[in-house]
Amino acid sequence: MSTIEPTIEQRRIIYQARRGLKELDFYIDPYVKNHYLSADDVEQAAFVRLLSYEDPDLLLFFLGQANPDDVEVGKLIDKMKRLKYA
């Protein structure tokens, strides 16, 4: 299996994905390490939008206590939660 080399933009996004809350890193880190670079353009764009949310809002989304307005971001959060528990 060949390794996908991230573009400069993807490297910036990966760096931006580092959050301050362990609870968020629990979901985001495995996705970044194992799925982000191989995701299609739609999913990568949704991930960029996900990162634009504030940490407290993201925490509510991952805990299922609120939903993002962005449908694609919501789908990605569901996928990230499933991947974590697969």
PDB file of N, CA and C in Angstrom:
ATOM      1  N   MET A   1       0.844  -1.183   0.000  1.00  0.00           N
ATOM      2  CA  MET A   1       0.000   0.000   0.000  1.00  0.00           C
ATOM      3  C   MET A   1       0.886   1.241   0.000  1.00  0.00           C
ATOM      4  N   SER A   2       0.630   2.157  -0.903  1.00  0.00           N
ATOM      5  CA  SER A   2       1.436   3.371  -0.963  1.00  0.00           C
ATOM      6  C   SER A   2       0.853   4.417  -0.015  1.00  0.00           C
ATOM      7  N   THR A   3       1.726   5.223   0.514  1.00  0.00           N
ATOM      8  CA  THR A   3       1.320   6.277   1.424  1.00  0.00           C
ATOM      9  C   THR A   3       0.940   7.510   0.615  1.00  0.00           C
ATOM     10  N   ILE A   4      -0.155   8.135   0.974  1.00  0.00           N
ATOM     11  CA  ILE A   4      -0.589   9.360   0.311  1.00  0.00           C
ATOM     12  C   ILE A   4       0.176  10.523   0.932  1.00  0.00           C
ATOM     13  N   GLU A   5       0.839  11.281   0.084  1.00  0.00           N
ATOM     14  CA  GLU A   5       1.603  12.441   0.564  1.00  0.00           C
ATOM     15  C   GLU A   5       0.675  13.654   0.598  1.00  0.00           C
ATOM     16  N   PRO A   6       0.504  14.287   1.763  1.00  0.00           N
ATOM     17  CA  PRO A   6      -0.412  15.427   1.848  1.00  0.00           C
ATOM     18  C   PRO A   6       0.128  16.656   1.099  1.00  0.00           C
ATOM     19  N   THR A   7      -0.784  17.406   0.538  1.00  0.00           N
ATOM     20  CA  THR A   7      -0.422  18.678  -0.085  1.00  0.00           C
ATOM     21  C   THR A   7      -0.122  19.690   1.026  1.00  0.00           C
ATOM     22  N   ILE A   8       0.399  20.825   0.656  1.00  0.00           N
ATOM     23  CA  ILE A   8       0.667  21.872   1.655  1.00  0.00           C
ATOM     24  C   ILE A   8      -0.638  22.281   2.339  1.00  0.00           C
ATOM     25  N   GLU A   9      -1.703  22.419   1.554  1.00  0.00           N
ATOM     26  CA  GLU A   9      -3.010  22.785   2.127  1.00  0.00           C
ATOM     27  C   GLU A   9      -3.504  21.707   3.095  1.00  0.00           C
ATOM     28  N   GLN A  10      -3.352  20.429   2.719  1.00  0.00           N
ATOM     29  CA  GLN A  10      -3.775  19.345   3.601  1.00  0.00           C
ATOM     30  C   GLN A  10      -2.948  19.331   4.884  1.00  0.00           C
ATOM     31  N   ARG A  11      -1.669  19.645   4.779  1.00  0.00           N
ATOM     32  CA  ARG A  11      -0.828  19.716   5.982  1.00  0.00           C
ATOM     33  C   ARG A  11      -1.333  20.816   6.923  1.00  0.00           C
ATOM     34  N   ARG A  12      -1.729  21.941   6.353  1.00  0.00           N
ATOM     35  CA  ARG A  12      -2.262  23.048   7.154  1.00  0.00           C
ATOM     36  C   ARG A  12      -3.535  22.609   7.876  1.00  0.00           C
ATOM     37  N   ILE A  13      -4.397  21.915   7.161  1.00  0.00           N
ATOM     38  CA  ILE A  13      -5.663  21.448   7.735  1.00  0.00           C
ATOM     39  C   ILE A  13      -5.402  20.420   8.830  1.00  0.00           C
ATOM     40  N   ILE A  14      -4.475  19.510   8.590  1.00  0.00           N
ATOM     41  CA  ILE A  14      -4.136  18.498   9.597  1.00  0.00           C
ATOM     42  C   ILE A  14      -3.617  19.180  10.867  1.00  0.00           C
ATOM     43  N   TYR A  15      -2.780  20.196  10.690  1.00  0.00           N
ATOM     44  CA  TYR A  15      -2.271  20.932  11.848  1.00  0.00           C
ATOM     45  C   TYR A  15      -3.409  21.635  12.587  1.00  0.00           C
ATOM     46  N   GLN A  16      -4.327  22.227  11.819  1.00  0.00           N
ATOM     47  CA  GLN A  16      -5.467  22.933  12.404  1.00  0.00           C
ATOM     48  C   GLN A  16      -6.395  21.969  13.150  1.00  0.00           C
ATOM     49  N   ALA A  17      -6.365  20.689  12.799  1.00  0.00           N
ATOM     50  CA  ALA A  17      -7.252  19.701  13.416  1.00  0.00           C
ATOM     51  C   ALA A  17      -6.877  19.410  14.868  1.00  0.00           C
ATOM     52  N   ARG A  18      -5.688  19.809  15.273  1.00  0.00           N
ATOM     53  CA  ARG A  18      -5.287  19.594  16.673  1.00  0.00           C
ATOM     54  C   ARG A  18      -6.106  20.525  17.554  1.00  0.00           C
ATOM     55  N   ARG A  19      -6.883  19.937  18.419  1.00  0.00           N
ATOM     56  CA  ARG A  19      -7.756  20.728  19.289  1.00  0.00           C
ATOM     57  C   ARG A  19      -7.232  20.699  20.706  1.00  0.00           C
ATOM     58  N   GLY A  20      -7.808  21.530  21.549  1.00  0.00           N
ATOM     59  CA  GLY A  20      -7.367  21.598  22.932  1.00  0.00           C
ATOM     60  C   GLY A  20      -8.074  20.633  23.858  1.00  0.00           C
ATOM     61  N   LEU A  21      -9.170  20.060  23.397  1.00  0.00           N
ATOM     62  CA  LEU A  21      -9.955  19.168  24.262  1.00  0.00           C
ATOM     63  C   LEU A  21      -9.671  17.707  23.945  1.00  0.00           C
ATOM     64  N   LYS A  22      -9.310  16.941  24.968  1.00  0.00           N
ATOM     65  CA  LYS A  22      -9.058  15.513  24.769  1.00  0.00           C
ATOM     66  C   LYS A  22     -10.273  14.815  24.183  1.00  0.00           C
ATOM     67  N   GLU A  23     -11.450  15.262  24.602  1.00  0.00           N
ATOM     68  CA  GLU A  23     -12.687  14.633  24.140  1.00  0.00           C
ATOM     69  C   GLU A  23     -12.839  14.771  22.622  1.00  0.00           C
ATOM     70  N   LEU A  24     -12.410  15.894  22.065  1.00  0.00           N
ATOM     71  CA  LEU A  24     -12.472  16.081  20.613  1.00  0.00           C
ATOM     72  C   LEU A  24     -11.361  15.311  19.921  1.00  0.00           C
ATOM     73  N   ASP A  25     -10.170  15.343  20.488  1.00  0.00           N
ATOM     74  CA  ASP A  25      -9.055  14.608  19.898  1.00  0.00           C
ATOM     75  C   ASP A  25      -9.364  13.118  19.815  1.00  0.00           C
ATOM     76  N   PHE A  26     -10.156  12.614  20.743  1.00  0.00           N
ATOM     77  CA  PHE A  26     -10.575  11.209  20.765  1.00  0.00           C
ATOM     78  C   PHE A  26     -11.217  10.814  19.434  1.00  0.00           C
ATOM     79  N   TYR A  27     -11.990  11.712  18.834  1.00  0.00           N
ATOM     80  CA  TYR A  27     -12.657  11.454  17.561  1.00  0.00           C
ATOM     81  C   TYR A  27     -11.854  11.956  16.362  1.00  0.00           C
ATOM     82  N   ILE A  28     -11.267  13.138  16.501  1.00  0.00           N
ATOM     83  CA  ILE A  28     -10.641  13.790  15.347  1.00  0.00           C
ATOM     84  C   ILE A  28      -9.304  13.152  14.980  1.00  0.00           C
ATOM     85  N   ASP A  29      -8.460  12.861  15.952  1.00  0.00           N
ATOM     86  CA  ASP A  29      -7.127  12.317  15.648  1.00  0.00           C
ATOM     87  C   ASP A  29      -7.166  11.031  14.824  1.00  0.00           C
ATOM     88  N   PRO A  30      -7.961  10.020  15.227  1.00  0.00           N
ATOM     89  CA  PRO A  30      -7.986   8.791  14.426  1.00  0.00           C
ATOM     90  C   PRO A  30      -8.482   9.031  12.990  1.00  0.00           C
ATOM     91  N   TYR A  31      -9.447   9.937  12.840  1.00  0.00           N
ATOM     92  CA  TYR A  31      -9.947  10.242  11.499  1.00  0.00           C
ATOM     93  C   TYR A  31      -8.833  10.864  10.657  1.00  0.00           C
ATOM     94  N   VAL A  32      -8.126  11.834  11.228  1.00  0.00           N
ATOM     95  CA  VAL A  32      -7.050  12.502  10.493  1.00  0.00           C
ATOM     96  C   VAL A  32      -5.965  11.496  10.115  1.00  0.00           C
ATOM     97  N   LYS A  33      -5.586  10.649  11.040  1.00  0.00           N
ATOM     98  CA  LYS A  33      -4.494   9.701  10.806  1.00  0.00           C
ATOM     99  C   LYS A  33      -4.866   8.607   9.813  1.00  0.00           C
ATOM    100  N   ASN A  34      -6.119   8.178   9.818  1.00  0.00           N
ATOM    101  CA  ASN A  34      -6.486   6.993   9.041  1.00  0.00           C
ATOM    102  C   ASN A  34      -7.425   7.218   7.858  1.00  0.00           C
ATOM    103  N   HIS A  35      -8.078   8.378   7.779  1.00  0.00           N
ATOM    104  CA  HIS A  35      -9.111   8.529   6.757  1.00  0.00           C
ATOM    105  C   HIS A  35      -9.073   9.836   5.969  1.00  0.00           C
ATOM    106  N   TYR A  36      -8.583  10.915   6.570  1.00  0.00           N
ATOM    107  CA  TYR A  36      -8.686  12.224   5.927  1.00  0.00           C
ATOM    108  C   TYR A  36      -8.044  12.263   4.540  1.00  0.00           C
ATOM    109  N   LEU A  37      -6.807  11.818   4.425  1.00  0.00           N
ATOM    110  CA  LEU A  37      -6.101  11.933   3.139  1.00  0.00           C
ATOM    111  C   LEU A  37      -6.719  11.076   2.040  1.00  0.00           C
ATOM    112  N   SER A  38      -7.391  10.000   2.394  1.00  0.00           N
ATOM    113  CA  SER A  38      -8.009   9.142   1.377  1.00  0.00           C
ATOM    114  C   SER A  38      -9.488   9.487   1.141  1.00  0.00           C
ATOM    115  N   ALA A  39     -10.010  10.450   1.881  1.00  0.00           N
ATOM    116  CA  ALA A  39     -11.412  10.858   1.714  1.00  0.00           C
ATOM    117  C   ALA A  39     -11.585  11.593   0.386  1.00  0.00           C
ATOM    118  N   ASP A  40     -12.808  11.557  -0.139  1.00  0.00           N
ATOM    119  CA  ASP A  40     -13.073  12.282  -1.380  1.00  0.00           C
ATOM    120  C   ASP A  40     -13.132  13.789  -1.111  1.00  0.00           C
ATOM    121  N   ASP A  41     -13.195  14.566  -2.180  1.00  0.00           N
ATOM    122  CA  ASP A  41     -13.167  16.026  -2.065  1.00  0.00           C
ATOM    123  C   ASP A  41     -14.324  16.568  -1.228  1.00  0.00           C
ATOM    124  N   VAL A  42     -15.500  15.965  -1.362  1.00  0.00           N
ATOM    125  CA  VAL A  42     -16.678  16.431  -0.613  1.00  0.00           C
ATOM    126  C   VAL A  42     -16.447  16.246   0.885  1.00  0.00           C
ATOM    127  N   GLU A  43     -15.923  15.083   1.254  1.00  0.00           N
ATOM    128  CA  GLU A  43     -15.683  14.810   2.676  1.00  0.00           C
ATOM    129  C   GLU A  43     -14.545  15.685   3.215  1.00  0.00           C
ATOM    130  N   GLN A  44     -13.495  15.882   2.429  1.00  0.00           N
ATOM    131  CA  GLN A  44     -12.404  16.742   2.885  1.00  0.00           C
ATOM    132  C   GLN A  44     -12.898  18.178   3.086  1.00  0.00           C
ATOM    133  N   ALA A  45     -13.762  18.642   2.192  1.00  0.00           N
ATOM    134  CA  ALA A  45     -14.324  19.993   2.335  1.00  0.00           C
ATOM    135  C   ALA A  45     -15.199  20.074   3.592  1.00  0.00           C
ATOM    136  N   ALA A  46     -15.970  19.016   3.870  1.00  0.00           N
ATOM    137  CA  ALA A  46     -16.796  18.984   5.080  1.00  0.00           C
ATOM    138  C   ALA A  46     -15.910  19.014   6.323  1.00  0.00           C
ATOM    139  N   PHE A  47     -14.766  18.343   6.264  1.00  0.00           N
ATOM    140  CA  PHE A  47     -13.845  18.341   7.406  1.00  0.00           C
ATOM    141  C   PHE A  47     -13.301  19.745   7.658  1.00  0.00           C
ATOM    142  N   VAL A  48     -12.972  20.464   6.596  1.00  0.00           N
ATOM    143  CA  VAL A  48     -12.498  21.847   6.744  1.00  0.00           C
ATOM    144  C   VAL A  48     -13.582  22.689   7.416  1.00  0.00           C
ATOM    145  N   ARG A  49     -14.830  22.511   6.990  1.00  0.00           N
ATOM    146  CA  ARG A  49     -15.922  23.271   7.608  1.00  0.00           C
ATOM    147  C   ARG A  49     -16.130  22.853   9.061  1.00  0.00           C
ATOM    148  N   LEU A  50     -15.985  21.567   9.349  1.00  0.00           N
ATOM    149  CA  LEU A  50     -16.098  21.080  10.726  1.00  0.00           C
ATOM    150  C   LEU A  50     -15.092  21.803  11.616  1.00  0.00           C
ATOM    151  N   LEU A  51     -13.881  21.996  11.111  1.00  0.00           N
ATOM    152  CA  LEU A  51     -12.843  22.649  11.902  1.00  0.00           C
ATOM    153  C   LEU A  51     -13.132  24.116  12.170  1.00  0.00           C
ATOM    154  N   SER A  52     -14.057  24.700  11.429  1.00  0.00           N
ATOM    155  CA  SER A  52     -14.385  26.111  11.643  1.00  0.00           C
ATOM    156  C   SER A  52     -15.303  26.314  12.851  1.00  0.00           C
ATOM    157  N   TYR A  53     -15.894  25.232  13.350  1.00  0.00           N
ATOM    158  CA  TYR A  53     -16.751  25.339  14.535  1.00  0.00           C
ATOM    159  C   TYR A  53     -15.885  25.486  15.785  1.00  0.00           C
ATOM    160  N   GLU A  54     -16.414  26.160  16.777  1.00  0.00           N
ATOM    161  CA  GLU A  54     -15.741  26.301  18.068  1.00  0.00           C
ATOM    162  C   GLU A  54     -15.762  24.956  18.805  1.00  0.00           C
ATOM    163  N   ASP A  55     -14.752  24.726  19.639  1.00  0.00           N
ATOM    164  CA  ASP A  55     -14.647  23.459  20.371  1.00  0.00           C
ATOM    165  C   ASP A  55     -15.898  23.117  21.184  1.00  0.00           C
ATOM    166  N   PRO A  56     -16.488  24.069  21.928  1.00  0.00           N
ATOM    167  CA  PRO A  56     -17.688  23.703  22.699  1.00  0.00           C
ATOM    168  C   PRO A  56     -18.836  23.209  21.810  1.00  0.00           C
ATOM    169  N   ASP A  57     -18.988  23.816  20.615  1.00  0.00           N
ATOM    170  CA  ASP A  57     -20.031  23.360  19.689  1.00  0.00           C
ATOM    171  C   ASP A  57     -19.710  21.970  19.166  1.00  0.00           C
ATOM    172  N   LEU A  58     -18.453  21.738  18.795  1.00  0.00           N
ATOM    173  CA  LEU A  58     -18.060  20.411  18.319  1.00  0.00           C
ATOM    174  C   LEU A  58     -18.320  19.348  19.379  1.00  0.00           C
ATOM    175  N   LEU A  59     -18.015  19.670  20.611  1.00  0.00           N
ATOM    176  CA  LEU A  59     -18.235  18.718  21.697  1.00  0.00           C
ATOM    177  C   LEU A  59     -19.713  18.353  21.791  1.00  0.00           C
ATOM    178  N   LEU A  60     -20.587  19.344  21.688  1.00  0.00           N
ATOM    179  CA  LEU A  60     -22.030  19.067  21.703  1.00  0.00           C
ATOM    180  C   LEU A  60     -22.435  18.187  20.527  1.00  0.00           C
ATOM    181  N   PHE A  61     -21.853  18.435  19.348  1.00  0.00           N
ATOM    182  CA  PHE A  61     -22.173  17.615  18.170  1.00  0.00           C
ATOM    183  C   PHE A  61     -21.742  16.174  18.388  1.00  0.00           C
ATOM    184  N   PHE A  62     -20.512  15.974  18.868  1.00  0.00           N
ATOM    185  CA  PHE A  62     -20.012  14.608  19.064  1.00  0.00           C
ATOM    186  C   PHE A  62     -20.750  13.878  20.177  1.00  0.00           C
ATOM    187  N   LEU A  63     -21.247  14.629  21.154  1.00  0.00           N
ATOM    188  CA  LEU A  63     -22.002  14.005  22.245  1.00  0.00           C
ATOM    189  C   LEU A  63     -23.471  13.805  21.892  1.00  0.00           C
ATOM    190  N   GLY A  64     -23.875  14.290  20.707  1.00  0.00           N
ATOM    191  CA  GLY A  64     -25.256  14.128  20.274  1.00  0.00           C
ATOM    192  C   GLY A  64     -26.227  15.073  20.959  1.00  0.00           C
ATOM    193  N   GLN A  65     -25.728  16.142  21.551  1.00  0.00           N
ATOM    194  CA  GLN A  65     -26.589  17.098  22.256  1.00  0.00           C
ATOM    195  C   GLN A  65     -27.003  18.268  21.372  1.00  0.00           C
ATOM    196  N   ALA A  66     -26.417  18.353  20.177  1.00  0.00           N
ATOM    197  CA  ALA A  66     -26.765  19.388  19.201  1.00  0.00           C
ATOM    198  C   ALA A  66     -26.354  18.877  17.827  1.00  0.00           C
ATOM    199  N   ASN A  67     -26.861  19.536  16.791  1.00  0.00           N
ATOM    200  CA  ASN A  67     -26.526  19.160  15.417  1.00  0.00           C
ATOM    201  C   ASN A  67     -26.043  20.386  14.657  1.00  0.00           C
ATOM    202  N   PRO A  68     -25.017  20.206  13.814  1.00  0.00           N
ATOM    203  CA  PRO A  68     -24.559  21.338  13.008  1.00  0.00           C
ATOM    204  C   PRO A  68     -25.594  21.688  11.945  1.00  0.00           C
ATOM    205  N   ASP A  69     -25.599  22.945  11.489  1.00  0.00           N
ATOM    206  CA  ASP A  69     -26.520  23.348  10.415  1.00  0.00           C
ATOM    207  C   ASP A  69     -26.121  22.678   9.103  1.00  0.00           C
ATOM    208  N   ASP A  70     -24.843  22.397   8.953  1.00  0.00           N
ATOM    209  CA  ASP A  70     -24.273  21.832   7.726  1.00  0.00           C
ATOM    210  C   ASP A  70     -24.506  20.314   7.703  1.00  0.00           C
ATOM    211  N   VAL A  71     -25.326  19.859   6.759  1.00  0.00           N
ATOM    212  CA  VAL A  71     -25.685  18.440   6.673  1.00  0.00           C
ATOM    213  C   VAL A  71     -24.456  17.562   6.452  1.00  0.00           C
ATOM    214  N   GLU A  72     -23.548  17.994   5.582  1.00  0.00           N
ATOM    215  CA  GLU A  72     -22.355  17.194   5.294  1.00  0.00           C
ATOM    216  C   GLU A  72     -21.455  17.088   6.529  1.00  0.00           C
ATOM    217  N   VAL A  73     -21.357  18.138   7.294  1.00  0.00           N
ATOM    218  CA  VAL A  73     -20.575  18.093   8.536  1.00  0.00           C
ATOM    219  C   VAL A  73     -21.231  17.108   9.502  1.00  0.00           C
ATOM    220  N   GLY A  74     -22.552  17.126   9.582  1.00  0.00           N
ATOM    221  CA  GLY A  74     -23.265  16.177  10.434  1.00  0.00           C
ATOM    222  C   GLY A  74     -23.002  14.740  10.021  1.00  0.00           C
ATOM    223  N   LYS A  75     -23.006  14.478   8.721  1.00  0.00           N
ATOM    224  CA  LYS A  75     -22.709  13.125   8.222  1.00  0.00           C
ATOM    225  C   LYS A  75     -21.288  12.715   8.586  1.00  0.00           C
ATOM    226  N   LEU A  76     -20.362  13.659   8.458  1.00  0.00           N
ATOM    227  CA  LEU A  76     -18.967  13.356   8.780  1.00  0.00           C
ATOM    228  C   LEU A  76     -18.811  13.062  10.271  1.00  0.00           C
ATOM    229  N   ILE A  77     -19.472  13.819  11.118  1.00  0.00           N
ATOM    230  CA  ILE A  77     -19.407  13.559  12.559  1.00  0.00           C
ATOM    231  C   ILE A  77     -19.950  12.165  12.860  1.00  0.00           C
ATOM    232  N   ASP A  78     -21.064  11.796  12.232  1.00  0.00           N
ATOM    233  CA  ASP A  78     -21.606  10.439  12.421  1.00  0.00           C
ATOM    234  C   ASP A  78     -20.590   9.385  11.991  1.00  0.00           C
ATOM    235  N   LYS A  79     -19.936   9.625  10.848  1.00  0.00           N
ATOM    236  CA  LYS A  79     -18.930   8.678  10.356  1.00  0.00           C
ATOM    237  C   LYS A  79     -17.771   8.580  11.336  1.00  0.00           C
ATOM    238  N   MET A  80     -17.305   9.719  11.831  1.00  0.00           N
ATOM    239  CA  MET A  80     -16.183   9.720  12.762  1.00  0.00           C
ATOM    240  C   MET A  80     -16.536   8.961  14.045  1.00  0.00           C
ATOM    241  N   LYS A  81     -17.760   9.097  14.505  1.00  0.00           N
ATOM    242  CA  LYS A  81     -18.196   8.370  15.701  1.00  0.00           C
ATOM    243  C   LYS A  81     -18.257   6.869  15.425  1.00  0.00           C
ATOM    244  N   ARG A  82     -18.765   6.495  14.239  1.00  0.00           N
ATOM    245  CA  ARG A  82     -18.815   5.064  13.877  1.00  0.00           C
ATOM    246  C   ARG A  82     -17.416   4.469  13.749  1.00  0.00           C
ATOM    247  N   LEU A  83     -16.509   5.208  13.119  1.00  0.00           N
ATOM    248  CA  LEU A  83     -15.144   4.730  12.939  1.00  0.00           C
ATOM    249  C   LEU A  83     -14.463   4.489  14.280  1.00  0.00           C
ATOM    250  N   LYS A  84     -14.741   5.355  15.229  1.00  0.00           N
ATOM    251  CA  LYS A  84     -14.111   5.241  16.538  1.00  0.00           C
ATOM    252  C   LYS A  84     -14.544   3.957  17.246  1.00  0.00           C
ATOM    253  N   TYR A  85     -15.773   3.549  16.985  1.00  0.00           N
ATOM    254  CA  TYR A  85     -16.302   2.374  17.684  1.00  0.00           C
ATOM    255  C   TYR A  85     -16.401   1.139  16.813  1.00  0.00           C
ATOM    256  N   ALA A  86     -15.839   1.198  15.624  1.00  0.00           N
ATOM    257  CA  ALA A  86     -15.899   0.036  14.702  1.00  0.00           C
ATOM    258  C   ALA A  86     -14.925  -1.040  15.136  1.00  0.00           C
TER     259      ALA A  86
END
